[in-house]
Amino acid sequence: MSGAIPLTSAALQEFWTERHLCTLTTLRADGSPHVVAVGATLHDGVARVISSSSSAHVRHIRAGAARVAICQVDGPRWSTVEGLASVDASGEGLALAERLYAARYRLPRPNPSRVAIVVDITRVLGANSLRPES
């Protein structure tokens, strides 16, 4: 069985530092899901994805479809974070997102139109193995 997990679970935090690709789901104007592969990070209760400002998922968030889900899977272990997304193009916010991405994946390639998608997490789901020990 799986379900809601506290964001403070050590196993969950560890899982989100391992190198796994993720999916980001945004909603189109008609409400249908748009799912893309991304690199995502989880830090201090916030999920971040770096992207190009012209990407469809950034356009969806900017258009007001701010509820998103980010999921990663590794065999039987899986975790999804859900929340409200915004787009941060500020120097400080973008620099943090790039540093976190570099620590988890690799140094991102130069991209002058890069922005950060910032997700204030409202729900965490995942496999039982990611739950805190009782």
N, C-alpha and C. Protein backbone atom coordinates (compact mmCIF):
# COMPACT_ATOMS: atom_id res chain seq x y z
N MET A 1 0.84 -1.18 0.00
CA MET A 1 0.00 0.00 0.00
C MET A 1 0.89 1.24 0.00
N SER A 2 0.39 2.33 -0.54
CA SER A 2 1.12 3.59 -0.57
C SER A 2 0.13 4.72 -0.35
N GLY A 3 0.65 5.88 -0.15
CA GLY A 3 -0.21 7.04 0.07
C GLY A 3 0.62 8.22 0.53
N ALA A 4 -0.03 9.15 1.24
CA ALA A 4 0.63 10.38 1.66
C ALA A 4 1.81 10.06 2.57
N ILE A 5 2.90 10.79 2.37
CA ILE A 5 4.14 10.62 3.13
C ILE A 5 4.55 11.99 3.65
N PRO A 6 5.04 12.06 4.88
CA PRO A 6 5.54 13.35 5.35
C PRO A 6 6.79 13.76 4.57
N LEU A 7 6.88 15.01 4.25
CA LEU A 7 8.01 15.53 3.49
C LEU A 7 9.31 15.39 4.26
N THR A 8 9.22 15.17 5.56
CA THR A 8 10.40 15.05 6.40
C THR A 8 10.98 13.65 6.45
N SER A 9 10.40 12.69 5.78
CA SER A 9 10.90 11.32 5.77
C SER A 9 12.33 11.29 5.23
N ALA A 10 13.26 10.71 6.01
CA ALA A 10 14.66 10.62 5.57
C ALA A 10 14.78 9.78 4.29
N ALA A 11 14.00 8.69 4.21
CA ALA A 11 14.05 7.84 3.01
C ALA A 11 13.56 8.61 1.79
N LEU A 12 12.54 9.40 1.97
CA LEU A 12 12.02 10.21 0.86
C LEU A 12 13.07 11.24 0.42
N GLN A 13 13.66 11.92 1.39
CA GLN A 13 14.68 12.93 1.07
C GLN A 13 15.84 12.28 0.32
N GLU A 14 16.28 11.11 0.76
CA GLU A 14 17.38 10.41 0.10
C GLU A 14 17.00 10.04 -1.33
N PHE A 15 15.79 9.53 -1.52
CA PHE A 15 15.32 9.15 -2.84
C PHE A 15 15.36 10.33 -3.81
N TRP A 16 15.04 11.52 -3.30
CA TRP A 16 15.02 12.71 -4.16
C TRP A 16 16.41 13.31 -4.37
N THR A 17 17.46 12.70 -3.80
CA THR A 17 18.82 13.14 -4.12
C THR A 17 19.49 12.20 -5.11
N GLU A 18 18.99 10.97 -5.22
CA GLU A 18 19.53 10.02 -6.20
C GLU A 18 19.24 10.51 -7.61
N ARG A 19 20.06 10.09 -8.56
CA ARG A 19 19.87 10.55 -9.94
C ARG A 19 18.78 9.72 -10.62
N HIS A 20 17.59 10.30 -10.69
CA HIS A 20 16.47 9.71 -11.41
C HIS A 20 15.82 10.80 -12.26
N LEU A 21 15.46 10.47 -13.48
CA LEU A 21 14.66 11.40 -14.26
C LEU A 21 13.24 11.37 -13.72
N CYS A 22 12.53 12.44 -13.95
CA CYS A 22 11.18 12.60 -13.43
C CYS A 22 10.23 12.94 -14.58
N THR A 23 8.96 12.93 -14.28
CA THR A 23 7.97 13.49 -15.20
C THR A 23 7.33 14.68 -14.52
N LEU A 24 7.04 15.69 -15.30
CA LEU A 24 6.32 16.87 -14.85
C LEU A 24 4.99 16.89 -15.59
N THR A 25 3.91 16.94 -14.84
CA THR A 25 2.58 17.01 -15.44
C THR A 25 1.99 18.38 -15.17
N THR A 26 1.65 19.08 -16.26
CA THR A 26 0.93 20.35 -16.18
C THR A 26 -0.41 20.15 -16.86
N LEU A 27 -1.27 21.14 -16.75
CA LEU A 27 -2.59 21.04 -17.38
C LEU A 27 -2.70 22.04 -18.51
N ARG A 28 -3.18 21.54 -19.65
CA ARG A 28 -3.45 22.41 -20.79
C ARG A 28 -4.71 23.22 -20.50
N ALA A 29 -4.99 24.19 -21.36
CA ALA A 29 -6.17 25.05 -21.19
C ALA A 29 -7.46 24.24 -21.17
N ASP A 30 -7.49 23.11 -21.89
CA ASP A 30 -8.71 22.29 -21.91
C ASP A 30 -8.77 21.31 -20.73
N GLY A 31 -7.77 21.38 -19.83
CA GLY A 31 -7.75 20.51 -18.66
C GLY A 31 -7.05 19.18 -18.87
N SER A 32 -6.64 18.88 -20.08
CA SER A 32 -5.96 17.62 -20.34
C SER A 32 -4.51 17.69 -19.84
N PRO A 33 -3.95 16.55 -19.43
CA PRO A 33 -2.59 16.57 -18.89
C PRO A 33 -1.53 16.65 -19.99
N HIS A 34 -0.47 17.36 -19.70
CA HIS A 34 0.71 17.47 -20.56
C HIS A 34 1.86 16.93 -19.71
N VAL A 35 2.48 15.83 -20.13
CA VAL A 35 3.51 15.17 -19.34
C VAL A 35 4.82 15.18 -20.11
N VAL A 36 5.89 15.64 -19.45
CA VAL A 36 7.21 15.69 -20.07
C VAL A 36 8.26 15.15 -19.10
N ALA A 37 9.35 14.65 -19.65
CA ALA A 37 10.48 14.20 -18.84
C ALA A 37 11.32 15.41 -18.43
N VAL A 38 11.71 15.45 -17.16
CA VAL A 38 12.49 16.57 -16.64
C VAL A 38 13.47 16.05 -15.59
N GLY A 39 14.41 16.90 -15.24
CA GLY A 39 15.21 16.73 -14.05
C GLY A 39 14.59 17.61 -12.99
N ALA A 40 14.38 17.09 -11.80
CA ALA A 40 13.74 17.86 -10.74
C ALA A 40 14.53 17.72 -9.46
N THR A 41 14.43 18.72 -8.61
CA THR A 41 15.09 18.67 -7.32
C THR A 41 14.08 18.98 -6.22
N LEU A 42 14.39 18.49 -5.04
CA LEU A 42 13.57 18.75 -3.86
C LEU A 42 14.50 19.31 -2.80
N HIS A 43 14.19 20.51 -2.31
CA HIS A 43 15.06 21.19 -1.34
C HIS A 43 14.23 22.09 -0.45
N ASP A 44 14.34 21.89 0.85
CA ASP A 44 13.61 22.72 1.82
C ASP A 44 12.11 22.76 1.55
N GLY A 45 11.55 21.61 1.17
CA GLY A 45 10.11 21.53 0.96
C GLY A 45 9.60 22.12 -0.33
N VAL A 46 10.50 22.43 -1.24
CA VAL A 46 10.13 23.02 -2.53
C VAL A 46 10.74 22.18 -3.65
N ALA A 47 9.98 21.90 -4.68
CA ALA A 47 10.49 21.20 -5.86
C ALA A 47 10.82 22.24 -6.92
N ARG A 48 11.88 21.96 -7.68
CA ARG A 48 12.30 22.89 -8.73
C ARG A 48 12.64 22.12 -10.00
N VAL A 49 12.33 22.73 -11.13
CA VAL A 49 12.66 22.20 -12.45
C VAL A 49 13.20 23.37 -13.25
N ILE A 50 14.34 23.18 -13.92
CA ILE A 50 14.82 24.23 -14.82
C ILE A 50 14.30 23.91 -16.21
N SER A 51 13.97 24.98 -16.95
CA SER A 51 13.36 24.80 -18.26
C SER A 51 13.57 26.05 -19.10
N SER A 52 13.23 25.95 -20.36
CA SER A 52 13.26 27.10 -21.25
C SER A 52 11.95 27.88 -21.11
N SER A 53 12.03 29.17 -21.15
CA SER A 53 10.84 30.01 -20.97
C SER A 53 9.79 29.79 -22.05
N SER A 54 10.19 29.23 -23.20
CA SER A 54 9.24 29.02 -24.30
C SER A 54 8.57 27.64 -24.27
N SER A 55 8.93 26.79 -23.31
CA SER A 55 8.37 25.44 -23.28
C SER A 55 6.88 25.46 -22.97
N ALA A 56 6.19 24.43 -23.44
CA ALA A 56 4.74 24.35 -23.23
C ALA A 56 4.40 24.31 -21.75
N HIS A 57 5.16 23.56 -20.95
CA HIS A 57 4.81 23.47 -19.53
C HIS A 57 4.98 24.81 -18.81
N VAL A 58 5.96 25.59 -19.21
CA VAL A 58 6.10 26.94 -18.64
C VAL A 58 4.93 27.81 -19.07
N ARG A 59 4.53 27.71 -20.32
CA ARG A 59 3.37 28.48 -20.80
C ARG A 59 2.10 28.09 -20.04
N HIS A 60 1.91 26.80 -19.78
CA HIS A 60 0.72 26.34 -19.04
C HIS A 60 0.70 26.96 -17.65
N ILE A 61 1.83 26.95 -16.97
CA ILE A 61 1.90 27.51 -15.61
C ILE A 61 1.64 29.01 -15.65
N ARG A 62 2.26 29.70 -16.58
CA ARG A 62 2.07 31.16 -16.68
C ARG A 62 0.63 31.52 -17.04
N ALA A 63 -0.06 30.62 -17.73
CA ALA A 63 -1.45 30.89 -18.13
C ALA A 63 -2.43 30.65 -16.99
N GLY A 64 -1.91 30.19 -15.85
CA GLY A 64 -2.79 30.02 -14.70
C GLY A 64 -3.06 28.58 -14.33
N ALA A 65 -2.57 27.63 -15.10
CA ALA A 65 -2.75 26.21 -14.76
C ALA A 65 -1.59 25.81 -13.86
N ALA A 66 -1.62 26.29 -12.63
CA ALA A 66 -0.46 26.19 -11.75
C ALA A 66 -0.40 24.92 -10.93
N ARG A 67 -1.41 24.07 -10.96
CA ARG A 67 -1.36 22.82 -10.21
C ARG A 67 -0.58 21.81 -11.04
N VAL A 68 0.49 21.25 -10.45
CA VAL A 68 1.37 20.32 -11.17
C VAL A 68 1.66 19.10 -10.32
N ALA A 69 2.22 18.08 -10.97
CA ALA A 69 2.72 16.90 -10.28
C ALA A 69 4.07 16.54 -10.89
N ILE A 70 5.00 16.15 -10.02
CA ILE A 70 6.31 15.67 -10.44
C ILE A 70 6.47 14.27 -9.86
N CYS A 71 6.80 13.32 -10.72
CA CYS A 71 6.88 11.92 -10.30
C CYS A 71 8.22 11.33 -10.71
N GLN A 72 8.75 10.45 -9.86
CA GLN A 72 9.93 9.67 -10.23
C GLN A 72 9.71 8.23 -9.79
N VAL A 73 10.30 7.31 -10.57
CA VAL A 73 10.12 5.87 -10.33
C VAL A 73 11.49 5.20 -10.43
N ASP A 74 11.74 4.28 -9.51
CA ASP A 74 12.92 3.44 -9.55
C ASP A 74 12.50 2.06 -9.08
N GLY A 75 12.14 1.19 -10.01
CA GLY A 75 11.63 -0.13 -9.65
C GLY A 75 10.39 0.00 -8.78
N PRO A 76 10.39 -0.63 -7.60
CA PRO A 76 9.21 -0.55 -6.75
C PRO A 76 9.11 0.76 -5.97
N ARG A 77 10.19 1.54 -5.98
CA ARG A 77 10.15 2.83 -5.27
C ARG A 77 9.63 3.90 -6.22
N TRP A 78 8.72 4.69 -5.71
CA TRP A 78 8.19 5.79 -6.51
C TRP A 78 7.76 6.90 -5.56
N SER A 79 7.74 8.10 -6.08
CA SER A 79 7.26 9.24 -5.30
C SER A 79 6.71 10.29 -6.24
N THR A 80 5.62 10.88 -5.84
CA THR A 80 5.03 12.00 -6.57
C THR A 80 4.86 13.16 -5.61
N VAL A 81 5.31 14.34 -6.03
CA VAL A 81 5.02 15.55 -5.27
C VAL A 81 4.04 16.37 -6.10
N GLU A 82 3.04 16.89 -5.43
CA GLU A 82 2.04 17.73 -6.07
C GLU A 82 2.11 19.11 -5.43
N GLY A 83 1.70 20.12 -6.19
CA GLY A 83 1.69 21.45 -5.61
C GLY A 83 1.34 22.52 -6.60
N LEU A 84 1.52 23.74 -6.14
CA LEU A 84 1.23 24.92 -6.93
C LEU A 84 2.53 25.49 -7.47
N ALA A 85 2.59 25.64 -8.78
CA ALA A 85 3.82 26.05 -9.45
C ALA A 85 3.78 27.52 -9.84
N SER A 86 4.97 28.10 -9.85
CA SER A 86 5.16 29.44 -10.38
C SER A 86 6.46 29.41 -11.18
N VAL A 87 6.67 30.44 -11.97
CA VAL A 87 7.87 30.53 -12.80
C VAL A 87 8.74 31.63 -12.23
N ASP A 88 10.00 31.31 -11.97
CA ASP A 88 10.96 32.27 -11.39
C ASP A 88 12.07 32.50 -12.40
N ALA A 89 12.17 33.71 -12.88
CA ALA A 89 13.24 34.07 -13.82
C ALA A 89 14.27 34.98 -13.15
N SER A 90 14.13 35.20 -11.84
CA SER A 90 15.05 36.09 -11.13
C SER A 90 16.43 35.46 -11.04
N GLY A 91 17.43 36.28 -10.96
CA GLY A 91 18.80 35.79 -10.88
C GLY A 91 19.03 34.86 -9.72
N GLU A 92 18.59 35.24 -8.53
CA GLU A 92 18.82 34.44 -7.33
C GLU A 92 18.05 33.13 -7.36
N GLY A 93 16.77 33.17 -7.70
CA GLY A 93 15.96 31.96 -7.76
C GLY A 93 16.43 31.00 -8.82
N LEU A 94 16.80 31.53 -9.97
CA LEU A 94 17.29 30.68 -11.05
C LEU A 94 18.65 30.08 -10.71
N ALA A 95 19.52 30.87 -10.10
CA ALA A 95 20.84 30.36 -9.71
C ALA A 95 20.71 29.21 -8.71
N LEU A 96 19.79 29.32 -7.76
CA LEU A 96 19.58 28.23 -6.80
C LEU A 96 19.11 26.98 -7.52
N ALA A 97 18.14 27.12 -8.42
CA ALA A 97 17.62 25.97 -9.17
C ALA A 97 18.73 25.32 -9.99
N GLU A 98 19.60 26.11 -10.59
CA GLU A 98 20.70 25.56 -11.39
C GLU A 98 21.71 24.83 -10.51
N ARG A 99 22.03 25.38 -9.33
CA ARG A 99 22.96 24.71 -8.42
C ARG A 99 22.40 23.37 -7.94
N LEU A 100 21.12 23.36 -7.60
CA LEU A 100 20.50 22.11 -7.14
C LEU A 100 20.47 21.07 -8.26
N TYR A 101 20.16 21.52 -9.47
CA TYR A 101 20.16 20.62 -10.63
C TYR A 101 21.56 20.04 -10.84
N ALA A 102 22.59 20.90 -10.80
CA ALA A 102 23.96 20.45 -11.01
C ALA A 102 24.38 19.43 -9.96
N ALA A 103 23.93 19.59 -8.73
CA ALA A 103 24.29 18.67 -7.67
C ALA A 103 23.62 17.30 -7.87
N ARG A 104 22.43 17.28 -8.41
CA ARG A 104 21.72 16.01 -8.58
C ARG A 104 22.03 15.35 -9.93
N TYR A 105 22.20 16.14 -10.96
CA TYR A 105 22.36 15.58 -12.32
C TYR A 105 23.74 15.90 -12.90
N ARG A 106 23.89 17.09 -13.38
CA ARG A 106 25.14 17.57 -13.99
C ARG A 106 24.98 19.08 -14.20
N LEU A 107 26.08 19.73 -14.52
CA LEU A 107 26.03 21.17 -14.79
C LEU A 107 25.13 21.41 -15.99
N PRO A 108 24.08 22.23 -15.86
CA PRO A 108 23.20 22.44 -17.02
C PRO A 108 23.90 23.21 -18.13
N ARG A 109 23.52 22.90 -19.34
CA ARG A 109 24.10 23.61 -20.49
C ARG A 109 23.66 25.07 -20.45
N PRO A 110 24.42 25.97 -21.05
CA PRO A 110 23.99 27.38 -21.08
C PRO A 110 22.65 27.53 -21.81
N ASN A 111 21.80 28.37 -21.27
CA ASN A 111 20.50 28.63 -21.88
C ASN A 111 20.04 30.03 -21.44
N PRO A 112 20.18 31.02 -22.32
CA PRO A 112 19.82 32.38 -21.93
C PRO A 112 18.32 32.57 -21.67
N SER A 113 17.50 31.63 -22.12
CA SER A 113 16.05 31.76 -21.87
C SER A 113 15.59 30.84 -20.74
N ARG A 114 16.52 30.40 -19.92
CA ARG A 114 16.19 29.47 -18.82
C ARG A 114 15.38 30.19 -17.73
N VAL A 115 14.43 29.44 -17.19
CA VAL A 115 13.65 29.86 -16.02
C VAL A 115 13.60 28.67 -15.07
N ALA A 116 13.15 28.93 -13.87
CA ALA A 116 12.95 27.85 -12.89
C ALA A 116 11.47 27.73 -12.61
N ILE A 117 10.98 26.51 -12.64
CA ILE A 117 9.63 26.23 -12.18
C ILE A 117 9.77 25.88 -10.70
N VAL A 118 9.05 26.61 -9.87
CA VAL A 118 9.13 26.43 -8.42
C VAL A 118 7.78 25.90 -7.95
N VAL A 119 7.80 24.77 -7.26
CA VAL A 119 6.57 24.12 -6.84
C VAL A 119 6.49 24.12 -5.32
N ASP A 120 5.52 24.83 -4.79
CA ASP A 120 5.23 24.78 -3.36
C ASP A 120 4.42 23.51 -3.13
N ILE A 121 5.03 22.55 -2.49
CA ILE A 121 4.46 21.21 -2.37
C ILE A 121 3.28 21.20 -1.40
N THR A 122 2.17 20.61 -1.86
CA THR A 122 0.98 20.47 -1.03
C THR A 122 0.68 19.03 -0.67
N ARG A 123 1.26 18.06 -1.41
CA ARG A 123 1.02 16.65 -1.13
C ARG A 123 2.21 15.83 -1.63
N VAL A 124 2.56 14.82 -0.85
CA VAL A 124 3.63 13.89 -1.24
C VAL A 124 3.06 12.49 -1.17
N LEU A 125 3.19 11.75 -2.25
CA LEU A 125 2.75 10.37 -2.31
C LEU A 125 3.95 9.49 -2.61
N GLY A 126 3.85 8.22 -2.25
CA GLY A 126 4.95 7.34 -2.59
C GLY A 126 4.82 5.96 -2.03
N ALA A 127 5.81 5.15 -2.36
CA ALA A 127 5.86 3.76 -1.92
C ALA A 127 6.06 3.70 -0.41
N ASN A 128 5.57 2.62 0.19
CA ASN A 128 5.72 2.42 1.63
C ASN A 128 7.17 2.44 2.08
N SER A 129 8.07 2.01 1.22
CA SER A 129 9.49 1.98 1.59
C SER A 129 10.06 3.38 1.84
N LEU A 130 9.36 4.41 1.44
CA LEU A 130 9.83 5.78 1.64
C LEU A 130 9.23 6.43 2.89
N ARG A 131 8.39 5.70 3.58
CA ARG A 131 7.78 6.21 4.81
C ARG A 131 8.80 6.22 5.95
N PRO A 132 8.62 7.13 6.89
CA PRO A 132 9.52 7.13 8.05
C PRO A 132 9.32 5.86 8.89
N GLU A 133 10.40 5.44 9.53
CA GLU A 133 10.32 4.28 10.43
C GLU A 133 9.45 4.64 11.63
N SER A 134 8.61 3.72 12.06
CA SER A 134 7.74 3.99 13.21
C SER A 134 8.42 3.59 14.49
